Amino acid sequence: MKKAVVNSVIHQDCQLKDFNVTIQNSCIGRNCKIGSNVTITNSILFNNVSVSDNVKIVNSIICSRAWIGQNNSIKDQKI
């Protein structure tokens, strides 16, 4: 298991399912839920975003109350 948070801001109310998460150069908002085996790079997640297991988010903006289902890859998107 790994947990890597580099050059990122994560709100204290954010919930990580486990320690198998990588977050780099990103900002994670309030009440976000991050699943297992998730990679978030160069992205912004607004408040109340849910990210399921096995998700990769790169260069993207995810707006409030969005839900990202498991096994998804998101790159260069605004959701």
Protein backbone atom coordinates (compact mmCIF):
# COMPACT_ATOMS: atom_id res chain seq x y z
CA MET A 1 0.00 0.00 0.00
CA LYS A 2 1.19 3.50 -0.75
CA LYS A 3 0.08 7.00 -0.03
CA ALA A 4 1.76 9.81 -1.87
CA VAL A 5 0.62 13.40 -1.61
CA VAL A 6 2.94 15.85 -3.37
CA ASN A 7 2.46 19.61 -3.88
CA SER A 8 -1.27 19.30 -3.16
CA VAL A 9 -3.91 20.76 -0.88
CA ILE A 10 -6.47 18.36 0.61
CA HIS A 11 -9.29 19.62 2.81
CA GLN A 12 -9.26 18.08 6.27
CA ASP A 13 -12.77 16.62 5.77
CA CYS A 14 -11.66 14.57 2.77
CA GLN A 15 -12.00 10.81 3.29
CA LEU A 16 -9.49 8.37 1.81
CA LYS A 17 -10.74 4.78 1.61
CA ASP A 18 -7.22 3.45 2.24
CA PHE A 19 -3.61 4.44 1.73
CA ASN A 20 -3.34 3.24 -1.88
CA VAL A 21 -3.74 6.78 -3.28
CA THR A 22 -1.47 9.14 -5.22
CA ILE A 23 -2.29 12.86 -5.38
CA GLN A 24 0.11 15.25 -7.12
CA ASN A 25 -0.14 18.97 -7.92
CA SER A 26 -3.86 18.97 -7.12
CA CYS A 27 -6.49 20.56 -4.89
CA ILE A 28 -9.15 18.40 -3.22
CA GLY A 29 -12.21 20.15 -1.73
CA ARG A 30 -14.33 19.62 1.36
CA ASN A 31 -16.23 16.35 1.97
CA CYS A 32 -14.64 14.50 -0.95
CA LYS A 33 -14.50 10.71 -0.83
CA ILE A 34 -11.54 9.06 -2.55
CA GLY A 35 -11.54 5.30 -3.20
CA SER A 36 -8.73 2.77 -3.36
CA ASN A 37 -6.06 2.70 -6.09
CA VAL A 38 -6.80 6.28 -7.19
CA THR A 39 -4.36 8.63 -8.93
CA ILE A 40 -5.11 12.36 -9.17
CA THR A 41 -2.61 14.55 -11.02
CA ASN A 42 -2.72 18.26 -11.93
CA SER A 43 -6.44 18.43 -11.13
CA ILE A 44 -9.03 20.22 -9.01
CA LEU A 45 -11.88 18.46 -7.25
CA PHE A 46 -14.51 20.82 -5.85
CA ASN A 47 -16.53 20.03 -2.69
CA ASN A 48 -18.54 16.83 -2.24
CA VAL A 49 -16.95 14.84 -5.08
CA SER A 50 -16.95 11.03 -4.86
CA VAL A 51 -14.24 9.05 -6.65
CA SER A 52 -14.66 5.26 -6.74
CA ASP A 53 -11.89 2.64 -6.80
CA ASN A 54 -9.34 2.28 -9.62
CA VAL A 55 -9.76 5.79 -11.05
CA LYS A 56 -7.15 7.99 -12.72
CA ILE A 57 -7.80 11.74 -13.05
CA VAL A 58 -5.28 13.88 -14.96
CA ASN A 59 -5.37 17.59 -15.91
CA SER A 60 -9.07 17.87 -15.08
CA ILE A 61 -11.59 19.90 -13.10
CA ILE A 62 -14.35 17.98 -11.32
CA CYS A 63 -17.21 20.19 -10.09
CA SER A 64 -19.18 19.84 -6.85
CA ARG A 65 -21.31 16.76 -6.24
CA ALA A 66 -19.85 14.82 -9.16
CA TRP A 67 -19.49 11.06 -8.89
CA ILE A 68 -16.74 9.23 -10.78
CA GLY A 69 -17.48 5.51 -11.11
CA GLN A 70 -14.88 2.81 -10.67
CA ASN A 71 -12.32 1.83 -13.32
CA ASN A 72 -12.54 5.19 -15.12
CA SER A 73 -9.78 7.29 -16.62
CA ILE A 74 -10.38 11.02 -17.01
CA LYS A 75 -7.91 13.26 -18.81
CA ASP A 76 -8.20 16.93 -19.86
CA GLN A 77 -11.88 17.15 -18.88
CA LYS A 78 -14.23 19.56 -17.10
CA ILE A 79 -17.00 17.62 -15.38
